[in-house]
Amino acid sequence: MLISLRFQNITLFGTLEIDFHKGFTAFTGETGSGKSIFIDTLNALLVNKKAPLNNRLVKKGSTFSSIEGVFSVFPSIEDWLINQGFELDEDLIVTREWRLKDSKYKSRFRVNGILVNREQISKLRSLLLDFTLQGDVNTLNDSSHQLYLLDCLGFDKAQRSILNVNNAWKKWHNSNLKLIESKEKVINIKQEYLEMQSINEDLEKLQLEDPTEDIKLERDQNRLANLLRLKEGVNSVLMRLNESLDEYPSLLDHTNFCLTELKSLSKIDADLQPILDNFCTLTSDFDNLISEIKAYEMTLDLDPSLLNNLQYRLATLRLYQKKYQKTIPELINYKDEVLNYLSFHKNSNNLDELISAEKNHRQTRDKLNQELSTLRKKTAKELEDKLINTFKELGMPNARFKVIFEETNPSVDGFDRVNFLFSANPGFALAPLAEIASGGEKSRVLLAIKAFFASFDDNNLLVFDEIDSGVSGSVSTSLAKMLHKLAILRQVFCVTHQPLIAAFADNHYAFKKNVVSGQTISTLSNLKEIADRQKELALLAGGEIIEANAYAASLLEHKAA
């Protein structure tokens, strides 16, 4: 519950401290007396994550302003504090400060004196406060919130079933992720396999065997390109070495003459024999040289058209060397690597086991989802019956209420999507709560639902801002009784203009505005005395006249009774 609020330099209130109590608390006052500003301070203290952070509550001219709320600590708050790393204390103190810096207001939040961020404050808001503004059904119209309320109603069975559904969904989700990843991996492997097959086809076409083939091809290309020059040169050499003309003996003719002469001379002088022997060796080598040159000449007997084929082969080799950034020896080795890869990955990965696991988890998930949905539909029927009875108490005897189920994609919460439909009068079709035409009907539907679920929710403070708008007479009495009954379970704040509603409150605060030195200041008084409450109720009823006072007194007597 909210124990106290402290304001410092807040517009209309200035500096103020207010203590609150358990039960049903009514706030009354004339228009412009500060009721809306008071509601705004609660909204600003525990700001919604989506709400803009404005400075309109800061008193004009102030360099520092603050709102501080002191709350009692209950189990869900203890859990939050522990999860956030805070030390547990007797009370929970939430503070929002504004400081003027460089002509701009900087806002920050504290919990028990420690700075916190907006997301943390937003989470605290959901634990500490539950706002219901007049005609506001946006929250209740949210399907996920409706599902949450439905699960709260069948708490024990629903929680066990939701836990099973949650675990089953996670198991299915994990197995599905593994299956998807494995399929993607197989696709990638298949793509890589196809690429390697293409590479292997390239290398097979090249028919590489000789690591020096490109060097030899370049040499042969050079020979073919200079074939005529080589033939002419070799013929010229052979002619001078081996072929004689009439007037020009060949080198071989000179050698033979020298050999014959040395043989004759060595018979005369034996000392020439070693020279003859050396010359014989030289002559033999010379014959061999001529034979090699002739053999080389035979190799020059080539078809010049072969040059095109040779150049095409050489260009092909260079193309694939550039394509794969490898030399001929490296391409030969790469071919073996490719063949090994293709052999190893010939068979695709077997997905049967993963497919089977995903199927089993999916079937378990769907079975548990169906069981939870059946439980929710049974709970929804109980909710429909009980709310219809509550609507009758609030002056809507012909009201209808229906929970509609739709099946959506499975999640951790099952596959149910729900929608609360309502109709106040015969002949009007059921419609979502947001489409309820009458403001009074919206107020009563909101109160009925909030009252019904109060015992299932840990939010400790229910704030109703003029929820009694559009209702009167006996309906107001029923609404007042319901608020009073609701306050047995929860601390309830209600801003109201109706004396009948305020009379049923356990605590009554009155806003009054005064003009001091040209400035409007609002005060908030705790009306503890019966006389003070009677006076305020009379003002609400129509002024300080005998009839109004009598009416106010009767209201308080009726409440006391």
Protein backbone atom coordinates (compact mmCIF):
# COMPACT_ATOMS: atom_id res chain seq x y z
CA MET A 1 0.00 0.00 0.00
CA LEU A 2 0.94 3.65 -0.38
CA ILE A 3 1.92 4.92 3.08
CA SER A 4 2.74 8.53 2.26
CA LEU A 5 3.47 11.07 -0.44
CA ARG A 6 5.82 14.02 -0.11
CA PHE A 7 5.89 16.90 -2.61
CA GLN A 8 8.56 19.58 -2.88
CA ASN A 9 7.98 22.49 -5.27
CA ILE A 10 5.22 20.74 -7.19
CA THR A 11 2.81 22.92 -9.14
CA LEU A 12 -0.37 23.85 -7.27
CA PHE A 13 0.77 21.97 -4.12
CA GLY A 14 4.18 23.49 -3.44
CA THR A 15 5.62 21.53 -0.52
CA LEU A 16 3.27 19.00 1.06
CA GLU A 17 3.31 15.71 2.97
CA ILE A 18 0.33 13.35 3.04
CA ASP A 19 -0.12 10.13 5.01
CA PHE A 20 -2.52 7.44 3.80
CA HIS A 21 -4.26 4.45 5.33
CA LYS A 22 -5.68 1.07 4.37
CA GLY A 23 -9.11 0.58 2.92
CA PHE A 24 -11.24 2.74 0.64
CA THR A 25 -10.04 6.34 0.35
CA ALA A 26 -12.16 8.99 -1.41
CA PHE A 27 -10.78 12.23 -2.83
CA THR A 28 -13.19 15.09 -3.44
CA GLY A 29 -13.02 18.78 -4.29
CA GLU A 30 -14.30 21.37 -6.68
CA THR A 31 -13.10 21.51 -10.28
CA GLY A 32 -9.54 22.85 -10.50
CA SER A 33 -8.78 22.17 -6.84
CA GLY A 34 -5.97 19.72 -7.62
CA LYS A 35 -7.54 16.27 -8.00
CA SER A 36 -6.16 15.77 -11.52
CA ILE A 37 -2.74 17.10 -10.51
CA PHE A 38 -2.72 14.64 -7.61
CA ILE A 39 -3.41 11.73 -10.00
CA ASP A 40 -0.70 13.10 -12.29
CA THR A 41 1.86 13.03 -9.45
CA LEU A 42 1.29 9.28 -9.02
CA ASN A 43 1.62 8.81 -12.76
CA ALA A 44 4.81 10.88 -12.79
CA LEU A 45 6.36 9.14 -9.77
CA LEU A 46 5.92 5.68 -11.27
CA VAL A 47 6.00 6.64 -14.91
CA ASN A 48 4.96 4.28 -17.67
CA LYS A 49 7.82 3.38 -20.02
CA LYS A 50 5.89 4.74 -23.01
CA ALA A 51 4.76 8.00 -21.37
CA PRO A 52 6.70 11.20 -22.21
CA LEU A 53 8.98 12.57 -19.46
CA ASN A 54 7.62 16.13 -19.22
CA ASN A 55 8.24 18.76 -16.55
CA ARG A 56 4.76 20.24 -16.23
CA LEU A 57 4.48 19.29 -12.55
CA VAL A 58 7.52 21.39 -11.61
CA LYS A 59 6.54 24.59 -9.82
CA LYS A 60 7.39 27.60 -11.94
CA GLY A 61 10.71 29.18 -10.98
CA SER A 62 11.96 26.18 -8.97
CA THR A 63 15.50 24.88 -9.36
CA PHE A 64 14.66 21.61 -7.59
CA SER A 65 11.40 19.64 -7.32
CA SER A 66 10.59 16.15 -6.13
CA ILE A 67 7.86 13.59 -5.49
CA GLU A 68 8.51 10.86 -2.95
CA GLY A 69 6.26 7.88 -2.30
CA VAL A 70 6.66 5.47 0.60
CA PHE A 71 5.16 2.01 0.00
CA SER A 72 4.87 -1.07 2.16
CA VAL A 73 6.86 -4.08 0.97
CA PHE A 74 4.98 -7.24 -0.01
CA PRO A 75 6.22 -10.52 -1.58
CA SER A 76 6.32 -9.49 -5.24
CA ILE A 77 8.16 -6.28 -4.29
CA GLU A 78 10.64 -8.32 -2.22
CA ASP A 79 11.30 -10.53 -5.24
CA TRP A 80 11.84 -7.48 -7.45
CA LEU A 81 14.24 -5.85 -4.96
CA ILE A 82 16.26 -9.07 -4.61
CA ASN A 83 16.43 -9.56 -8.40
CA GLN A 84 17.61 -5.96 -8.83
CA GLY A 85 20.27 -6.32 -6.15
CA PHE A 86 18.66 -4.05 -3.54
CA GLU A 87 18.78 -4.70 0.17
CA LEU A 88 15.42 -5.42 1.76
CA ASP A 89 14.05 -2.70 4.03
CA GLU A 90 10.88 -2.18 6.02
CA ASP A 91 9.52 0.30 3.46
CA LEU A 92 10.04 0.98 -0.23
CA ILE A 93 10.87 4.62 -1.02
CA VAL A 94 10.47 5.76 -4.61
CA THR A 95 11.64 9.26 -5.53
CA ARG A 96 11.56 11.37 -8.67
CA GLU A 97 13.62 14.55 -8.78
CA TRP A 98 13.85 17.46 -11.20
CA ARG A 99 16.93 19.70 -11.19
CA LEU A 100 17.39 22.83 -13.26
CA LYS A 101 20.68 22.67 -15.18
CA ASP A 102 21.69 24.85 -18.12
CA SER A 103 18.13 26.23 -18.33
CA LYS A 104 16.74 22.67 -18.68
CA TYR A 105 15.20 20.32 -16.15
CA LYS A 106 16.93 16.99 -15.70
CA SER A 107 14.80 14.22 -14.23
CA ARG A 108 15.97 11.10 -12.40
CA PHE A 109 14.50 8.30 -10.30
CA ARG A 110 15.68 6.67 -7.09
CA VAL A 111 14.61 3.54 -5.21
CA ASN A 112 15.65 3.53 -1.56
CA GLY A 113 18.11 6.29 -2.42
CA ILE A 114 19.74 4.42 -5.32
CA LEU A 115 19.48 5.72 -8.89
CA VAL A 116 17.40 3.51 -11.21
CA ASN A 117 16.42 3.71 -14.87
CA ARG A 118 13.02 4.25 -16.42
CA GLU A 119 12.55 0.60 -17.32
CA GLN A 120 12.98 -0.39 -13.66
CA ILE A 121 10.48 2.28 -12.59
CA SER A 122 8.02 1.07 -15.21
CA LYS A 123 8.25 -2.47 -13.79
CA LEU A 124 7.69 -1.13 -10.26
CA ARG A 125 4.61 0.72 -11.49
CA SER A 126 3.04 -2.54 -12.60
CA LEU A 127 3.71 -4.01 -9.14
CA LEU A 128 2.60 -1.04 -7.02
CA LEU A 129 -0.21 0.73 -8.88
CA ASP A 130 -3.21 -0.16 -10.99
CA PHE A 131 -4.79 2.90 -12.61
CA THR A 132 -8.35 2.94 -13.87
CA LEU A 133 -9.39 6.20 -15.48
CA GLN A 134 -12.99 6.93 -16.36
CA GLY A 135 -14.02 5.00 -19.45
CA ASP A 136 -10.49 3.67 -19.92
CA VAL A 137 -10.69 0.07 -21.12
CA ASN A 138 -7.46 0.03 -23.14
CA THR A 139 -5.60 -2.21 -20.69
CA LEU A 140 -8.53 -4.58 -20.29
CA ASN A 141 -8.96 -4.64 -24.04
CA ASP A 142 -5.45 -6.04 -24.49
CA SER A 143 -5.69 -9.72 -25.39
CA SER A 144 -2.54 -10.73 -23.49
CA HIS A 145 -3.84 -9.01 -20.34
CA GLN A 146 -7.20 -10.72 -20.72
CA LEU A 147 -5.44 -14.06 -20.99
CA TYR A 148 -3.43 -13.22 -17.85
CA LEU A 149 -6.65 -12.42 -15.95
CA LEU A 150 -8.21 -15.67 -17.12
CA ASP A 151 -5.20 -17.67 -15.93
CA CYS A 152 -5.30 -15.88 -12.56
CA LEU A 153 -8.86 -17.09 -12.07
CA GLY A 154 -7.88 -20.76 -12.36
CA PHE A 155 -4.57 -20.07 -10.67
CA ASP A 156 -3.41 -23.46 -9.30
CA LYS A 157 -4.40 -25.68 -12.22
CA ALA A 158 -3.60 -23.00 -14.78
CA GLN A 159 -0.13 -22.31 -13.40
CA ARG A 160 0.81 -26.00 -13.48
CA SER A 161 -0.55 -26.34 -17.00
CA ILE A 162 1.16 -23.12 -18.17
CA LEU A 163 4.46 -24.35 -16.72
CA ASN A 164 4.11 -27.61 -18.67
CA VAL A 165 3.18 -25.70 -21.83
CA ASN A 166 6.11 -23.35 -21.31
CA ASN A 167 8.61 -26.20 -20.92
CA ALA A 168 7.13 -28.12 -23.86
CA TRP A 169 7.30 -25.05 -26.11
CA LYS A 170 10.96 -24.43 -25.15
CA LYS A 171 11.87 -28.06 -25.89
CA TRP A 172 10.09 -27.90 -29.24
CA HIS A 173 11.66 -24.51 -29.99
CA ASN A 174 15.17 -25.80 -29.26
CA SER A 175 14.67 -28.96 -31.33
CA ASN A 176 13.21 -26.89 -34.17
CA LEU A 177 16.18 -24.53 -34.10
CA LYS A 178 18.57 -27.49 -34.26
CA LEU A 179 16.63 -28.94 -37.17
CA ILE A 180 16.64 -25.63 -39.05
CA GLU A 181 20.37 -25.15 -38.39
CA SER A 182 21.09 -28.70 -39.54
CA LYS A 183 19.03 -28.22 -42.70
CA GLU A 184 20.86 -24.99 -43.42
CA LYS A 185 24.14 -26.79 -42.83
CA VAL A 186 23.14 -29.55 -45.24
CA ILE A 187 22.17 -26.92 -47.82
CA ASN A 188 25.54 -25.22 -47.37
CA ILE A 189 27.35 -28.55 -47.63
CA LYS A 190 25.41 -29.43 -50.76
CA GLN A 191 26.26 -26.06 -52.26
CA GLU A 192 29.91 -26.54 -51.38
CA TYR A 193 29.73 -30.08 -52.76
CA LEU A 194 28.39 -28.77 -56.06
CA GLU A 195 31.16 -26.18 -56.17
CA MET A 196 33.76 -28.86 -55.55
CA GLN A 197 32.21 -31.00 -58.28
CA SER A 198 32.56 -28.07 -60.67
CA ILE A 199 36.21 -27.64 -59.67
CA ASN A 200 36.82 -31.35 -60.17
CA GLU A 201 35.30 -31.16 -63.66
CA ASP A 202 37.66 -28.29 -64.49
CA LEU A 203 40.69 -30.22 -63.27
CA GLU A 204 39.58 -33.38 -65.07
CA LYS A 205 39.35 -31.44 -68.32
CA LEU A 206 42.87 -30.12 -67.83
CA GLN A 207 44.26 -33.68 -67.44
CA LEU A 208 47.24 -32.42 -65.50
CA GLU A 209 50.04 -34.92 -64.94
CA ASP A 210 53.37 -33.16 -65.56
CA PRO A 211 54.19 -30.44 -62.96
CA THR A 212 56.51 -28.76 -65.51
CA GLU A 213 54.07 -28.88 -68.42
CA ASP A 214 53.70 -25.12 -68.63
CA ILE A 215 57.49 -24.65 -68.73
CA LYS A 216 57.81 -27.21 -71.52
CA LEU A 217 54.94 -25.66 -73.41
CA GLU A 218 56.55 -22.25 -73.24
CA ARG A 219 59.81 -23.78 -74.56
CA ASP A 220 57.97 -25.54 -77.40
CA GLN A 221 56.06 -22.38 -78.18
CA ASN A 222 59.34 -20.50 -78.50
CA ARG A 223 60.78 -23.26 -80.79
CA LEU A 224 57.74 -23.27 -83.07
CA ALA A 225 57.64 -19.52 -83.23
CA ASN A 226 61.33 -19.52 -84.39
CA LEU A 227 61.25 -22.76 -86.41
CA LEU A 228 62.51 -21.26 -89.70
CA ARG A 229 65.40 -19.49 -88.04
CA LEU A 230 66.40 -22.68 -86.18
CA LYS A 231 66.31 -24.79 -89.37
CA GLU A 232 68.39 -22.29 -91.30
CA GLY A 233 70.96 -22.03 -88.52
CA VAL A 234 71.28 -25.80 -88.05
CA ASN A 235 71.65 -26.37 -91.80
CA SER A 236 74.37 -23.74 -91.96
CA VAL A 237 76.25 -25.39 -89.09
CA LEU A 238 75.97 -28.85 -90.61
CA MET A 239 77.17 -27.61 -93.96
CA ARG A 240 80.29 -26.16 -92.40
CA LEU A 241 80.88 -29.21 -90.26
CA ASN A 242 79.97 -32.06 -92.55
CA GLU A 243 79.20 -31.07 -96.14
CA SER A 244 82.02 -29.93 -98.49
CA LEU A 245 81.89 -27.93 -101.68
CA ASP A 246 84.35 -28.20 -104.51
CA GLU A 247 86.38 -25.25 -103.54
CA TYR A 248 85.44 -25.27 -99.81
CA PRO A 249 86.28 -28.47 -97.86
CA SER A 250 84.18 -29.05 -94.67
CA LEU A 251 85.51 -29.11 -91.19
CA LEU A 252 85.13 -32.89 -91.28
CA ASP A 253 87.32 -32.99 -94.46
CA HIS A 254 90.02 -31.03 -92.67
CA THR A 255 89.75 -33.34 -89.66
CA ASN A 256 90.08 -36.49 -91.77
CA PHE A 257 93.09 -35.03 -93.57
CA CYS A 258 94.71 -34.19 -90.21
CA LEU A 259 93.98 -37.67 -88.88
CA THR A 260 95.53 -39.39 -91.92
CA GLU A 261 98.61 -37.16 -91.76
CA LEU A 262 99.10 -37.77 -87.99
CA LYS A 263 98.87 -41.53 -88.54
CA SER A 264 101.64 -41.38 -91.17
CA LEU A 265 103.80 -39.14 -89.05
CA SER A 266 103.39 -41.30 -85.93
CA LYS A 267 104.88 -44.20 -87.85
CA ILE A 268 107.96 -42.09 -88.39
CA ASP A 269 108.09 -40.70 -84.85
CA ALA A 270 106.48 -42.70 -82.08
CA ASP A 271 106.34 -39.56 -79.87
CA LEU A 272 103.36 -38.39 -81.96
CA GLN A 273 101.27 -41.37 -80.85
CA PRO A 274 99.75 -39.63 -77.79
CA ILE A 275 98.82 -36.67 -79.95
CA LEU A 276 97.27 -39.07 -82.49
CA ASP A 277 95.28 -40.75 -79.72
CA ASN A 278 93.96 -37.42 -78.45
CA PHE A 279 93.05 -36.36 -81.93
CA CYS A 280 91.24 -39.67 -82.51
CA THR A 281 89.20 -39.00 -79.35
CA LEU A 282 88.48 -35.48 -80.52
CA THR A 283 87.44 -36.77 -83.92
CA SER A 284 85.08 -39.30 -82.28
CA ASP A 285 83.52 -36.55 -80.14
CA PHE A 286 83.24 -34.42 -83.22
CA ASP A 287 81.36 -37.22 -85.00
CA ASN A 288 79.06 -37.56 -82.00
CA LEU A 289 78.42 -33.79 -82.00
CA ILE A 290 77.47 -33.92 -85.67
CA SER A 291 75.11 -36.85 -84.93
CA GLU A 292 73.44 -34.83 -82.08
CA ILE A 293 73.02 -31.82 -84.32
CA LYS A 294 71.46 -34.03 -86.98
CA ALA A 295 69.18 -35.58 -84.37
CA TYR A 296 68.13 -32.08 -83.25
CA GLU A 297 67.53 -31.19 -86.88
CA MET A 298 65.09 -34.10 -87.04
CA THR A 299 63.09 -32.56 -84.17
CA LEU A 300 62.63 -29.42 -86.21
CA ASP A 301 60.59 -31.34 -88.70
CA LEU A 302 57.31 -29.98 -87.21
CA ASP A 303 53.97 -28.83 -88.58
CA PRO A 304 53.78 -25.06 -87.96
CA SER A 305 49.98 -25.38 -87.37
CA LEU A 306 50.77 -27.10 -84.07
CA LEU A 307 51.63 -23.68 -82.70
CA ASN A 308 47.94 -22.77 -82.41
CA ASN A 309 47.13 -25.91 -80.42
CA LEU A 310 50.12 -25.40 -78.17
CA GLN A 311 49.25 -21.76 -77.51
CA TYR A 312 45.62 -22.69 -76.76
CA ARG A 313 46.77 -25.31 -74.21
CA LEU A 314 49.15 -22.84 -72.61
CA ALA A 315 46.42 -20.16 -72.42
CA THR A 316 44.04 -22.69 -70.83
CA LEU A 317 46.59 -23.59 -68.16
CA ARG A 318 47.22 -19.92 -67.39
CA LEU A 319 43.46 -19.26 -67.16
CA TYR A 320 42.96 -21.92 -64.48
CA GLN A 321 46.13 -20.93 -62.66
CA LYS A 322 44.67 -17.45 -62.35
CA LYS A 323 41.15 -18.73 -61.51
CA TYR A 324 42.31 -20.86 -58.61
CA GLN A 325 45.41 -18.81 -57.73
CA LYS A 326 47.60 -21.92 -57.91
CA THR A 327 50.65 -23.13 -59.85
CA ILE A 328 50.55 -26.27 -62.03
CA PRO A 329 52.08 -28.46 -59.26
CA GLU A 330 49.58 -26.96 -56.77
CA LEU A 331 46.66 -27.65 -59.13
CA ILE A 332 47.75 -31.29 -59.40
CA ASN A 333 47.76 -31.56 -55.58
CA TYR A 334 44.45 -29.63 -55.37
CA LYS A 335 42.86 -32.19 -57.64
CA ASP A 336 43.64 -34.90 -55.09
CA GLU A 337 42.17 -32.74 -52.29
CA VAL A 338 38.96 -32.20 -54.27
CA LEU A 339 38.61 -35.91 -54.97
CA ASN A 340 39.07 -36.70 -51.26
CA TYR A 341 36.43 -34.12 -50.31
CA LEU A 342 33.93 -35.45 -52.83
CA SER A 343 34.53 -38.98 -51.61
CA PHE A 344 34.05 -37.99 -47.95
CA HIS A 345 30.90 -35.90 -48.53
CA LYS A 346 29.28 -38.14 -51.06
CA ASN A 347 26.34 -38.86 -48.73
CA SER A 348 24.29 -35.98 -47.25
CA ASN A 349 23.85 -35.61 -43.48
CA ASN A 350 21.15 -37.79 -42.05
CA LEU A 351 18.37 -35.58 -40.63
CA ASP A 352 16.02 -38.37 -39.62
CA GLU A 353 16.89 -38.19 -35.92
CA LEU A 354 16.42 -34.42 -35.72
CA ILE A 355 13.19 -34.55 -37.72
CA SER A 356 11.85 -37.23 -35.38
CA ALA A 357 12.81 -35.23 -32.25
CA GLU A 358 11.14 -32.07 -33.56
CA LYS A 359 7.99 -34.00 -34.43
CA ASN A 360 7.76 -35.60 -30.97
CA HIS A 361 8.29 -32.26 -29.17
CA ARG A 362 5.74 -30.59 -31.45
CA GLN A 363 3.14 -33.26 -30.71
CA THR A 364 3.76 -32.92 -26.96
CA ARG A 365 3.53 -29.13 -27.25
CA ASP A 366 0.24 -29.30 -29.14
CA LYS A 367 -1.23 -31.83 -26.70
CA LEU A 368 -0.41 -29.66 -23.66
CA ASN A 369 -1.64 -26.55 -25.48
CA GLN A 370 -4.96 -28.27 -26.07
CA GLU A 371 -5.22 -29.30 -22.41
CA LEU A 372 -4.49 -25.71 -21.29
CA SER A 373 -7.02 -24.34 -23.77
CA THR A 374 -9.69 -26.73 -22.46
CA LEU A 375 -8.95 -25.58 -18.89
CA ARG A 376 -9.12 -21.93 -19.93
CA LYS A 377 -12.46 -22.40 -21.67
CA LYS A 378 -13.89 -23.99 -18.53
CA THR A 379 -12.53 -21.10 -16.45
CA ALA A 380 -13.92 -18.60 -18.98
CA LYS A 381 -17.42 -20.05 -18.52
CA GLU A 382 -17.13 -19.55 -14.74
CA LEU A 383 -15.93 -15.97 -15.32
CA GLU A 384 -18.83 -15.24 -17.65
CA ASP A 385 -21.41 -16.47 -15.11
CA LYS A 386 -19.88 -14.60 -12.17
CA LEU A 387 -19.44 -11.33 -14.03
CA ILE A 388 -23.01 -11.42 -15.32
CA ASN A 389 -24.21 -11.71 -11.71
CA THR A 390 -21.97 -8.79 -10.74
CA PHE A 391 -23.35 -6.70 -13.60
CA LYS A 392 -26.86 -7.31 -12.25
CA GLU A 393 -25.74 -5.92 -8.88
CA LEU A 394 -24.47 -2.83 -10.71
CA GLY A 395 -27.80 -2.16 -12.39
CA MET A 396 -27.25 -3.99 -15.68
CA PRO A 397 -29.74 -6.92 -15.46
CA ASN A 398 -29.61 -7.67 -19.20
CA ALA A 399 -25.85 -7.49 -19.59
CA ARG A 400 -24.05 -10.26 -21.42
CA PHE A 401 -20.38 -11.14 -21.24
CA LYS A 402 -18.54 -13.63 -23.43
CA VAL A 403 -14.93 -14.78 -23.71
CA ILE A 404 -14.09 -15.59 -27.34
CA PHE A 405 -11.17 -17.89 -28.12
CA GLU A 406 -9.00 -17.87 -31.24
CA GLU A 407 -6.15 -20.23 -32.02
CA THR A 408 -2.85 -18.51 -32.83
CA ASN A 409 0.72 -19.64 -33.40
CA PRO A 410 1.92 -21.57 -30.33
CA SER A 411 4.08 -19.70 -27.81
CA VAL A 412 5.22 -20.12 -24.22
CA ASP A 413 1.64 -19.21 -23.20
CA GLY A 414 -0.08 -21.76 -25.42
CA PHE A 415 -2.02 -21.13 -28.61
CA ASP A 416 -4.98 -19.18 -27.18
CA ARG A 417 -5.91 -15.61 -28.00
CA VAL A 418 -8.92 -14.33 -26.09
CA ASN A 419 -11.23 -11.37 -26.46
CA PHE A 420 -13.69 -10.14 -23.81
CA LEU A 421 -17.01 -9.18 -25.44
CA PHE A 422 -19.82 -7.28 -23.73
CA SER A 423 -23.37 -6.16 -24.43
CA ALA A 424 -25.43 -4.13 -21.95
CA ASN A 425 -28.87 -4.36 -23.55
CA PRO A 426 -30.99 -6.85 -25.49
CA GLY A 427 -30.79 -6.41 -29.24
CA PHE A 428 -27.20 -5.14 -29.12
CA ALA A 429 -24.52 -7.48 -30.41
CA LEU A 430 -21.58 -8.48 -28.25
CA ALA A 431 -18.64 -6.15 -28.87
CA PRO A 432 -15.12 -5.57 -27.49
CA LEU A 433 -15.00 -3.53 -24.29
CA ALA A 434 -13.53 -0.51 -26.09
CA GLU A 435 -16.69 -0.26 -28.21
CA ILE A 436 -19.07 0.07 -25.27
CA ALA A 437 -21.01 3.25 -25.99
CA SER A 438 -22.04 4.48 -22.54
CA GLY A 439 -19.47 5.97 -20.19
CA GLY A 440 -21.47 4.70 -17.22
CA GLU A 441 -21.47 1.18 -18.62
CA LYS A 442 -17.71 1.33 -19.17
CA SER A 443 -17.21 2.43 -15.58
CA ARG A 444 -19.29 -0.39 -14.19
CA VAL A 445 -17.69 -3.03 -16.43
CA LEU A 446 -14.23 -1.83 -15.40
CA LEU A 447 -15.11 -1.90 -11.71
CA ALA A 448 -16.76 -5.32 -11.94
CA ILE A 449 -13.72 -6.86 -13.62
CA LYS A 450 -11.21 -5.11 -11.34
CA ALA A 451 -13.19 -6.13 -8.25
CA PHE A 452 -13.50 -9.71 -9.41
CA PHE A 453 -9.77 -10.13 -10.02
CA ALA A 454 -8.54 -8.10 -7.04
CA SER A 455 -7.80 -11.17 -4.95
CA PHE A 456 -5.63 -12.66 -7.72
CA ASP A 457 -3.40 -9.64 -8.28
CA ASP A 458 -0.47 -8.46 -6.16
CA ASN A 459 -0.85 -4.79 -7.16
CA ASN A 460 -1.45 -3.14 -3.82
CA LEU A 461 -3.10 0.13 -4.79
CA LEU A 462 -6.09 0.50 -7.09
CA VAL A 463 -6.61 4.07 -8.32
CA PHE A 464 -10.00 4.98 -9.81
CA ASP A 465 -10.29 8.42 -11.35
CA GLU A 466 -13.98 9.37 -11.56
CA ILE A 467 -14.98 5.81 -12.40
CA ASP A 468 -18.45 6.77 -11.14
CA SER A 469 -18.90 9.11 -14.10
CA GLY A 470 -22.22 8.52 -15.86
CA VAL A 471 -23.88 6.55 -13.04
CA SER A 472 -26.42 7.68 -10.48
CA GLY A 473 -29.15 6.55 -8.12
CA SER A 474 -29.20 2.94 -6.96
CA VAL A 475 -26.38 2.10 -9.32
CA SER A 476 -24.16 4.56 -7.46
CA THR A 477 -25.00 2.78 -4.22
CA SER A 478 -24.07 -0.59 -5.70
CA LEU A 479 -20.87 0.88 -7.09
CA ALA A 480 -19.99 2.43 -3.71
CA LYS A 481 -20.61 -0.85 -1.91
CA MET A 482 -18.43 -2.68 -4.39
CA LEU A 483 -15.58 -0.20 -3.92
CA HIS A 484 -15.89 -0.58 -0.17
CA LYS A 485 -15.91 -4.37 -0.48
CA LEU A 486 -12.94 -4.24 -2.86
CA ALA A 487 -10.98 -2.24 -0.27
CA ILE A 488 -11.05 -5.22 2.09
CA LEU A 489 -8.53 -6.88 -0.23
CA ARG A 490 -6.73 -3.85 -1.64
CA GLN A 491 -5.97 -0.24 -0.86
CA VAL A 492 -8.37 1.75 -3.05
CA PHE A 493 -8.15 5.42 -4.10
CA CYS A 494 -11.18 6.94 -5.80
CA VAL A 495 -11.50 10.49 -7.10
CA THR A 496 -15.22 11.22 -7.13
CA HIS A 497 -17.81 14.00 -7.44
CA GLN A 498 -20.60 11.91 -5.91
CA PRO A 499 -21.37 12.32 -2.21
CA LEU A 500 -22.88 8.84 -2.09
CA ILE A 501 -19.58 7.27 -3.23
CA ALA A 502 -17.48 9.39 -0.85
CA ALA A 503 -19.74 8.53 2.07
CA PHE A 504 -18.83 4.84 1.78
CA ALA A 505 -15.11 5.57 2.02
CA ASP A 506 -13.04 4.54 5.05
CA ASN A 507 -10.91 7.65 4.57
CA HIS A 508 -11.88 10.97 3.02
CA TYR A 509 -9.51 13.64 1.71
CA ALA A 510 -10.71 17.00 0.40
CA PHE A 511 -8.87 19.26 -2.05
CA LYS A 512 -9.30 22.99 -1.64
CA LYS A 513 -7.73 25.81 -3.62
CA ASN A 514 -6.80 29.19 -2.26
CA VAL A 515 -5.24 32.28 -3.79
CA VAL A 516 -2.25 33.58 -1.82
CA SER A 517 -0.32 36.63 -3.05
CA GLY A 518 -1.81 36.21 -6.50
CA GLN A 519 -0.92 32.50 -6.77
CA THR A 520 -3.29 29.53 -6.59
CA ILE A 521 -2.33 26.96 -3.96
CA SER A 522 -4.09 23.64 -3.35
CA THR A 523 -4.32 21.97 0.04
CA LEU A 524 -5.32 18.42 0.89
CA SER A 525 -7.11 17.80 4.15
CA ASN A 526 -7.77 14.49 5.84
CA LEU A 527 -11.39 14.71 7.03
CA LYS A 528 -11.22 12.64 10.19
CA GLU A 529 -14.15 14.22 11.99
CA ILE A 530 -17.72 13.31 11.08
CA ALA A 531 -18.68 16.98 11.01
CA ASP A 532 -15.98 17.77 8.48
CA ARG A 533 -16.99 14.87 6.26
CA GLN A 534 -20.65 15.88 6.49
CA LYS A 535 -19.80 19.41 5.45
CA GLU A 536 -17.80 18.21 2.46
CA LEU A 537 -20.55 15.78 1.40
CA ALA A 538 -23.07 18.60 1.64
CA LEU A 539 -20.94 20.75 -0.65
CA LEU A 540 -20.83 17.86 -3.14
CA ALA A 541 -24.60 17.46 -2.86
CA GLY A 542 -25.31 21.10 -3.69
CA GLY A 543 -24.09 23.51 -1.08
CA GLU A 544 -24.48 24.33 2.58
CA ILE A 545 -28.23 24.21 2.79
CA ILE A 546 -30.43 22.36 5.23
CA GLU A 547 -31.45 19.69 2.70
CA ALA A 548 -27.86 19.04 1.60
CA ASN A 549 -26.67 18.75 5.19
CA ALA A 550 -29.47 16.39 6.01
CA TYR A 551 -28.70 14.31 2.93
CA ALA A 552 -24.99 14.19 3.86
CA ALA A 553 -25.79 13.13 7.40
CA SER A 554 -28.10 10.39 6.16
CA LEU A 555 -25.39 9.09 3.86
CA LEU A 556 -22.89 8.81 6.71
CA GLU A 557 -25.48 7.16 8.97
CA HIS A 558 -26.33 4.67 6.25
CA LYS A 559 -22.68 3.87 5.74
CA ALA A 560 -22.08 3.47 9.48
CA ALA A 561 -25.05 1.15 9.72
